Amino acid sequence: MGCADAAFATLCLCLSLSVCTTKSFLFEVLKHPSVLRDRVPVLIACNKSERMNAFSPEFVKKRLEKEIEVLLSTQGDLSDTVGGAEGNANIASTKEGQAFKVSDCYSKVTAAAVSASKGTIKPIRQFITS
């Protein structure tokens, strides 16, 4: 059993506080076998985007790319100690020496500004129905 779409929500405020759990969860989603096999599209829904001090979806996406790059390099280092690369996730077509970009992921990853409190969820509806 697989799923057709994966929506992923994060806050556009206090990114430094939520980036640790956000990057880990997104990484787990992107490396899940059924997501990779079925190339499930993923939406990063940036909530609270109506706030003046909110980060843009593009900024959030770039920050998560940097954080996942660190996870990938650490995972590669750790896979050497567990006897092989079976634990190493190949989530993108990034070549060695190049920085990780979500645009290189096997699953299509998009980011959109939403606001649950203001009812601005059109990007989520479009994502689900596309």
N, C-alpha and C. Protein backbone atom coordinates (compact mmCIF):
# COMPACT_ATOMS: atom_id res chain seq x y z
N MET A 1 0.85 -1.16 0.00
CA MET A 1 0.00 0.00 0.00
C MET A 1 0.90 1.23 0.00
N GLY A 2 0.59 2.18 -0.85
CA GLY A 2 1.34 3.41 -0.92
C GLY A 2 0.41 4.59 -0.79
N CYS A 3 0.99 5.77 -0.84
CA CYS A 3 0.15 6.96 -0.81
C CYS A 3 0.42 7.77 -2.06
N ALA A 4 -0.54 8.58 -2.44
CA ALA A 4 -0.43 9.35 -3.66
C ALA A 4 0.36 10.63 -3.46
N ASP A 5 0.18 11.29 -2.32
CA ASP A 5 0.83 12.56 -2.05
C ASP A 5 1.28 12.58 -0.59
N ALA A 6 2.28 13.39 -0.32
CA ALA A 6 2.72 13.60 1.05
C ALA A 6 2.80 15.09 1.29
N ALA A 7 2.00 15.59 2.24
CA ALA A 7 2.05 17.00 2.61
C ALA A 7 2.85 17.11 3.90
N PHE A 8 3.63 18.10 3.99
CA PHE A 8 4.54 18.27 5.11
C PHE A 8 4.45 19.72 5.56
N ALA A 9 4.15 19.96 6.81
CA ALA A 9 3.96 21.33 7.30
C ALA A 9 5.11 21.75 8.20
N THR A 10 5.50 23.00 8.07
CA THR A 10 6.50 23.58 8.96
C THR A 10 6.13 25.03 9.21
N LEU A 11 6.67 25.61 10.26
CA LEU A 11 6.41 27.01 10.57
C LEU A 11 7.40 27.90 9.83
N CYS A 12 6.94 29.06 9.41
CA CYS A 12 7.82 30.04 8.77
C CYS A 12 8.44 30.97 9.80
N LEU A 13 8.11 30.79 11.05
CA LEU A 13 8.64 31.62 12.13
C LEU A 13 9.62 30.79 12.96
N CYS A 14 10.54 31.40 13.58
CA CYS A 14 11.47 30.71 14.48
C CYS A 14 12.05 29.47 13.82
N LEU A 15 12.51 29.62 12.60
CA LEU A 15 13.01 28.48 11.84
C LEU A 15 14.16 27.79 12.56
N SER A 16 14.98 28.56 13.26
CA SER A 16 16.11 27.94 13.96
C SER A 16 15.64 26.98 15.03
N LEU A 17 14.48 27.21 15.61
CA LEU A 17 13.97 26.32 16.65
C LEU A 17 13.38 25.05 16.07
N SER A 18 12.75 25.14 14.91
CA SER A 18 12.06 23.98 14.36
C SER A 18 12.85 23.25 13.28
N VAL A 19 13.98 23.80 12.85
CA VAL A 19 14.69 23.20 11.72
C VAL A 19 15.24 21.81 12.03
N CYS A 20 15.62 21.55 13.26
CA CYS A 20 16.19 20.25 13.61
C CYS A 20 15.17 19.14 13.41
N THR A 21 13.99 19.29 13.98
CA THR A 21 12.97 18.26 13.81
C THR A 21 12.41 18.26 12.39
N THR A 22 12.32 19.44 11.79
CA THR A 22 11.79 19.54 10.43
C THR A 22 12.69 18.82 9.44
N LYS A 23 13.98 19.07 9.51
CA LYS A 23 14.90 18.44 8.55
C LYS A 23 14.91 16.92 8.73
N SER A 24 14.88 16.46 9.96
CA SER A 24 14.91 15.02 10.21
C SER A 24 13.65 14.34 9.68
N PHE A 25 12.51 14.97 9.93
CA PHE A 25 11.26 14.38 9.46
C PHE A 25 11.19 14.39 7.93
N LEU A 26 11.54 15.50 7.32
CA LEU A 26 11.53 15.59 5.86
C LEU A 26 12.49 14.56 5.25
N PHE A 27 13.66 14.42 5.84
CA PHE A 27 14.63 13.45 5.36
C PHE A 27 14.06 12.03 5.44
N GLU A 28 13.39 11.72 6.55
CA GLU A 28 12.79 10.39 6.71
C GLU A 28 11.71 10.16 5.65
N VAL A 29 10.91 11.19 5.36
CA VAL A 29 9.88 11.08 4.33
C VAL A 29 10.54 10.82 2.97
N LEU A 30 11.54 11.63 2.63
CA LEU A 30 12.18 11.52 1.32
C LEU A 30 12.91 10.20 1.10
N LYS A 31 13.40 9.59 2.17
CA LYS A 31 14.14 8.33 2.00
C LYS A 31 13.28 7.08 2.23
N HIS A 32 12.00 7.28 2.54
CA HIS A 32 11.11 6.14 2.76
C HIS A 32 11.01 5.33 1.46
N PRO A 33 11.13 4.01 1.55
CA PRO A 33 11.13 3.18 0.34
C PRO A 33 9.92 3.38 -0.57
N SER A 34 8.72 3.52 -0.01
CA SER A 34 7.55 3.68 -0.88
C SER A 34 7.52 5.07 -1.52
N VAL A 35 8.05 6.08 -0.85
CA VAL A 35 8.14 7.42 -1.44
C VAL A 35 9.12 7.39 -2.61
N LEU A 36 10.25 6.73 -2.42
CA LEU A 36 11.24 6.62 -3.49
C LEU A 36 10.71 5.77 -4.64
N ARG A 37 10.12 4.63 -4.32
CA ARG A 37 9.63 3.71 -5.35
C ARG A 37 8.55 4.35 -6.20
N ASP A 38 7.59 5.00 -5.55
CA ASP A 38 6.44 5.56 -6.26
C ASP A 38 6.63 7.02 -6.66
N ARG A 39 7.80 7.57 -6.29
CA ARG A 39 8.10 8.99 -6.59
C ARG A 39 6.95 9.89 -6.15
N VAL A 40 6.60 9.74 -4.89
CA VAL A 40 5.48 10.47 -4.29
C VAL A 40 5.84 11.95 -4.19
N PRO A 41 4.99 12.83 -4.72
CA PRO A 41 5.26 14.27 -4.58
C PRO A 41 5.12 14.71 -3.12
N VAL A 42 5.95 15.66 -2.73
CA VAL A 42 5.97 16.15 -1.35
C VAL A 42 5.78 17.66 -1.36
N LEU A 43 4.89 18.14 -0.50
CA LEU A 43 4.66 19.58 -0.35
C LEU A 43 5.18 20.02 1.01
N ILE A 44 6.03 21.03 1.01
CA ILE A 44 6.46 21.66 2.25
C ILE A 44 5.53 22.86 2.44
N ALA A 45 4.56 22.71 3.32
CA ALA A 45 3.57 23.76 3.58
C ALA A 45 4.10 24.66 4.68
N CYS A 46 4.47 25.88 4.33
CA CYS A 46 5.06 26.83 5.28
C CYS A 46 3.94 27.63 5.94
N ASN A 47 3.59 27.22 7.15
CA ASN A 47 2.47 27.82 7.87
C ASN A 47 2.86 29.15 8.52
N LYS A 48 1.86 29.94 8.84
CA LYS A 48 2.01 31.26 9.46
C LYS A 48 2.70 32.25 8.52
N SER A 49 2.51 32.04 7.23
CA SER A 49 3.16 32.88 6.23
C SER A 49 2.61 34.30 6.17
N GLU A 50 1.47 34.53 6.81
CA GLU A 50 0.88 35.87 6.80
C GLU A 50 1.60 36.84 7.74
N ARG A 51 2.42 36.32 8.61
CA ARG A 51 3.12 37.16 9.59
C ARG A 51 4.21 37.97 8.91
N MET A 52 4.42 39.18 9.41
CA MET A 52 5.44 40.08 8.85
C MET A 52 6.84 39.49 8.94
N ASN A 53 7.12 38.76 10.01
CA ASN A 53 8.46 38.22 10.23
C ASN A 53 8.61 36.77 9.73
N ALA A 54 7.68 36.32 8.90
CA ALA A 54 7.74 34.96 8.38
C ALA A 54 8.78 34.86 7.25
N PHE A 55 9.45 33.73 7.21
CA PHE A 55 10.39 33.47 6.13
C PHE A 55 9.61 33.00 4.90
N SER A 56 10.13 33.28 3.73
CA SER A 56 9.49 32.86 2.49
C SER A 56 9.66 31.34 2.31
N PRO A 57 8.76 30.72 1.56
CA PRO A 57 8.92 29.29 1.28
C PRO A 57 10.27 28.98 0.61
N GLU A 58 10.74 29.87 -0.24
CA GLU A 58 12.04 29.66 -0.90
C GLU A 58 13.17 29.63 0.13
N PHE A 59 13.12 30.55 1.11
CA PHE A 59 14.14 30.58 2.16
C PHE A 59 14.09 29.30 2.99
N VAL A 60 12.88 28.88 3.36
CA VAL A 60 12.72 27.65 4.15
C VAL A 60 13.28 26.46 3.37
N LYS A 61 12.96 26.38 2.08
CA LYS A 61 13.44 25.28 1.25
C LYS A 61 14.97 25.27 1.18
N LYS A 62 15.57 26.43 0.97
CA LYS A 62 17.04 26.50 0.90
C LYS A 62 17.69 26.12 2.23
N ARG A 63 17.08 26.54 3.32
CA ARG A 63 17.62 26.20 4.64
C ARG A 63 17.53 24.69 4.87
N LEU A 64 16.41 24.10 4.49
CA LEU A 64 16.26 22.66 4.64
C LEU A 64 17.24 21.90 3.73
N GLU A 65 17.51 22.43 2.54
CA GLU A 65 18.50 21.81 1.66
C GLU A 65 19.86 21.76 2.34
N LYS A 66 20.25 22.85 2.95
CA LYS A 66 21.56 22.89 3.64
C LYS A 66 21.59 21.89 4.79
N GLU A 67 20.51 21.83 5.54
CA GLU A 67 20.46 20.92 6.69
C GLU A 67 20.46 19.46 6.25
N ILE A 68 19.74 19.15 5.17
CA ILE A 68 19.72 17.77 4.67
C ILE A 68 21.07 17.40 4.08
N GLU A 69 21.75 18.37 3.49
CA GLU A 69 23.12 18.14 2.99
C GLU A 69 24.02 17.65 4.13
N VAL A 70 23.88 18.27 5.29
CA VAL A 70 24.66 17.85 6.46
C VAL A 70 24.28 16.43 6.87
N LEU A 71 22.98 16.13 6.88
CA LEU A 71 22.53 14.78 7.22
C LEU A 71 23.09 13.75 6.25
N LEU A 72 23.06 14.07 4.96
CA LEU A 72 23.57 13.14 3.95
C LEU A 72 25.07 12.89 4.12
N SER A 73 25.82 13.93 4.41
CA SER A 73 27.27 13.75 4.58
C SER A 73 27.56 12.96 5.85
N THR A 74 26.81 13.20 6.91
CA THR A 74 26.99 12.46 8.15
C THR A 74 26.59 11.01 7.96
N GLN A 75 25.47 10.79 7.28
CA GLN A 75 25.01 9.43 7.05
C GLN A 75 26.03 8.65 6.23
N GLY A 76 26.61 9.28 5.24
CA GLY A 76 27.64 8.62 4.44
C GLY A 76 28.84 8.23 5.30
N ASP A 77 29.24 9.10 6.20
CA ASP A 77 30.34 8.79 7.10
C ASP A 77 29.98 7.64 8.03
N LEU A 78 28.77 7.62 8.54
CA LEU A 78 28.34 6.58 9.47
C LEU A 78 28.12 5.25 8.78
N SER A 79 27.74 5.25 7.50
CA SER A 79 27.49 3.98 6.82
C SER A 79 28.78 3.17 6.71
N ASP A 80 29.93 3.83 6.71
CA ASP A 80 31.20 3.12 6.67
C ASP A 80 31.42 2.30 7.94
N THR A 81 30.83 2.73 9.05
CA THR A 81 31.06 2.04 10.32
C THR A 81 30.08 0.91 10.56
N VAL A 82 29.01 0.82 9.79
CA VAL A 82 28.02 -0.23 9.99
C VAL A 82 28.12 -1.32 8.94
N GLY A 83 29.19 -1.32 8.19
CA GLY A 83 29.43 -2.43 7.28
C GLY A 83 28.83 -2.28 5.90
N GLY A 84 28.77 -1.09 5.36
CA GLY A 84 28.27 -0.94 4.01
C GLY A 84 27.34 0.23 3.85
N ALA A 85 26.82 0.33 2.64
CA ALA A 85 26.00 1.48 2.30
C ALA A 85 24.51 1.16 2.34
N GLU A 86 24.13 0.00 2.96
CA GLU A 86 22.71 -0.30 2.96
C GLU A 86 21.89 0.72 3.74
N GLY A 87 22.49 1.43 4.67
CA GLY A 87 21.77 2.45 5.42
C GLY A 87 21.82 3.81 4.76
N ASN A 88 22.57 3.92 3.69
CA ASN A 88 22.74 5.21 3.02
C ASN A 88 21.57 5.45 2.07
N ALA A 89 20.91 6.57 2.25
CA ALA A 89 19.72 6.88 1.45
C ALA A 89 20.12 7.63 0.19
N ASN A 90 19.67 7.13 -0.94
CA ASN A 90 19.88 7.81 -2.20
C ASN A 90 18.56 8.47 -2.58
N ILE A 91 18.37 9.71 -2.13
CA ILE A 91 17.09 10.39 -2.30
C ILE A 91 17.08 11.34 -3.48
N ALA A 92 18.24 11.54 -4.10
CA ALA A 92 18.32 12.51 -5.19
C ALA A 92 19.39 12.11 -6.18
N SER A 93 19.32 12.73 -7.34
CA SER A 93 20.29 12.46 -8.40
C SER A 93 21.48 13.41 -8.31
N THR A 94 21.78 13.86 -7.11
CA THR A 94 22.90 14.77 -6.90
C THR A 94 24.21 14.02 -7.12
N LYS A 95 25.09 14.61 -7.89
CA LYS A 95 26.39 14.01 -8.14
C LYS A 95 27.32 14.30 -6.97
N GLU A 96 28.30 13.42 -6.78
CA GLU A 96 29.26 13.60 -5.70
C GLU A 96 29.98 14.94 -5.85
N GLY A 97 30.09 15.65 -4.74
CA GLY A 97 30.74 16.95 -4.76
C GLY A 97 29.78 18.11 -4.99
N GLN A 98 28.53 17.80 -5.37
CA GLN A 98 27.53 18.86 -5.55
C GLN A 98 26.66 18.95 -4.32
N ALA A 99 26.17 20.14 -4.05
CA ALA A 99 25.29 20.35 -2.90
C ALA A 99 23.92 19.74 -3.19
N PHE A 100 23.27 19.26 -2.15
CA PHE A 100 21.93 18.70 -2.26
C PHE A 100 20.93 19.80 -2.59
N LYS A 101 20.05 19.52 -3.53
CA LYS A 101 18.96 20.43 -3.91
C LYS A 101 17.68 19.60 -3.96
N VAL A 102 16.59 20.13 -3.44
CA VAL A 102 15.33 19.37 -3.50
C VAL A 102 14.88 19.18 -4.94
N SER A 103 15.30 20.05 -5.84
CA SER A 103 14.93 19.89 -7.26
C SER A 103 15.57 18.64 -7.87
N ASP A 104 16.60 18.09 -7.22
CA ASP A 104 17.23 16.86 -7.69
C ASP A 104 16.63 15.60 -7.07
N CYS A 105 15.67 15.77 -6.16
CA CYS A 105 15.05 14.61 -5.52
C CYS A 105 14.28 13.79 -6.56
N TYR A 106 14.24 12.49 -6.31
CA TYR A 106 13.48 11.61 -7.21
C TYR A 106 11.99 11.91 -7.11
N SER A 107 11.54 12.32 -5.94
CA SER A 107 10.16 12.76 -5.76
C SER A 107 10.12 14.27 -5.97
N LYS A 108 9.06 14.76 -6.57
CA LYS A 108 8.91 16.20 -6.77
C LYS A 108 8.61 16.85 -5.42
N VAL A 109 9.43 17.83 -5.04
CA VAL A 109 9.26 18.54 -3.78
C VAL A 109 8.99 20.01 -4.09
N THR A 110 7.88 20.53 -3.54
CA THR A 110 7.55 21.93 -3.72
C THR A 110 7.29 22.55 -2.35
N ALA A 111 7.46 23.86 -2.27
CA ALA A 111 7.20 24.59 -1.03
C ALA A 111 6.17 25.67 -1.33
N ALA A 112 5.27 25.90 -0.38
CA ALA A 112 4.23 26.90 -0.58
C ALA A 112 3.89 27.58 0.74
N ALA A 113 3.50 28.85 0.63
CA ALA A 113 3.08 29.63 1.80
C ALA A 113 1.62 29.34 2.10
N VAL A 114 1.33 29.01 3.35
CA VAL A 114 -0.04 28.78 3.79
C VAL A 114 -0.26 29.46 5.14
N SER A 115 -1.51 29.59 5.50
CA SER A 115 -1.87 30.13 6.81
C SER A 115 -3.13 29.44 7.28
N ALA A 116 -2.99 28.53 8.21
CA ALA A 116 -4.16 27.81 8.72
C ALA A 116 -5.11 28.76 9.44
N SER A 117 -4.57 29.71 10.19
CA SER A 117 -5.43 30.62 10.95
C SER A 117 -6.21 31.58 10.05
N LYS A 118 -5.65 31.92 8.90
CA LYS A 118 -6.33 32.82 7.95
C LYS A 118 -7.10 32.05 6.87
N GLY A 119 -7.00 30.74 6.90
CA GLY A 119 -7.71 29.93 5.90
C GLY A 119 -7.05 29.91 4.54
N THR A 120 -5.79 30.31 4.48
CA THR A 120 -5.06 30.33 3.20
C THR A 120 -4.44 28.95 2.98
N ILE A 121 -5.25 28.05 2.45
CA ILE A 121 -4.80 26.68 2.23
C ILE A 121 -4.94 26.25 0.77
N LYS A 122 -5.15 27.21 -0.11
CA LYS A 122 -5.31 26.90 -1.53
C LYS A 122 -4.13 26.10 -2.09
N PRO A 123 -2.86 26.44 -1.72
CA PRO A 123 -1.75 25.61 -2.24
C PRO A 123 -1.86 24.15 -1.84
N ILE A 124 -2.40 23.88 -0.65
CA ILE A 124 -2.56 22.50 -0.21
C ILE A 124 -3.64 21.81 -1.03
N ARG A 125 -4.74 22.49 -1.25
CA ARG A 125 -5.81 21.91 -2.08
C ARG A 125 -5.33 21.62 -3.49
N GLN A 126 -4.58 22.58 -4.06
CA GLN A 126 -4.06 22.37 -5.42
C GLN A 126 -3.09 21.20 -5.45
N PHE A 127 -2.29 21.06 -4.44
CA PHE A 127 -1.32 19.97 -4.37
C PHE A 127 -2.04 18.63 -4.31
N ILE A 128 -3.06 18.54 -3.49
CA ILE A 128 -3.77 17.29 -3.31
C ILE A 128 -4.55 16.90 -4.57
N THR A 129 -5.12 17.88 -5.26
CA THR A 129 -5.94 17.58 -6.43
C THR A 129 -5.14 17.46 -7.72
N SER A 130 -3.86 17.83 -7.69
CA SER A 130 -3.07 17.75 -8.93
C SER A 130 -2.54 16.36 -9.17
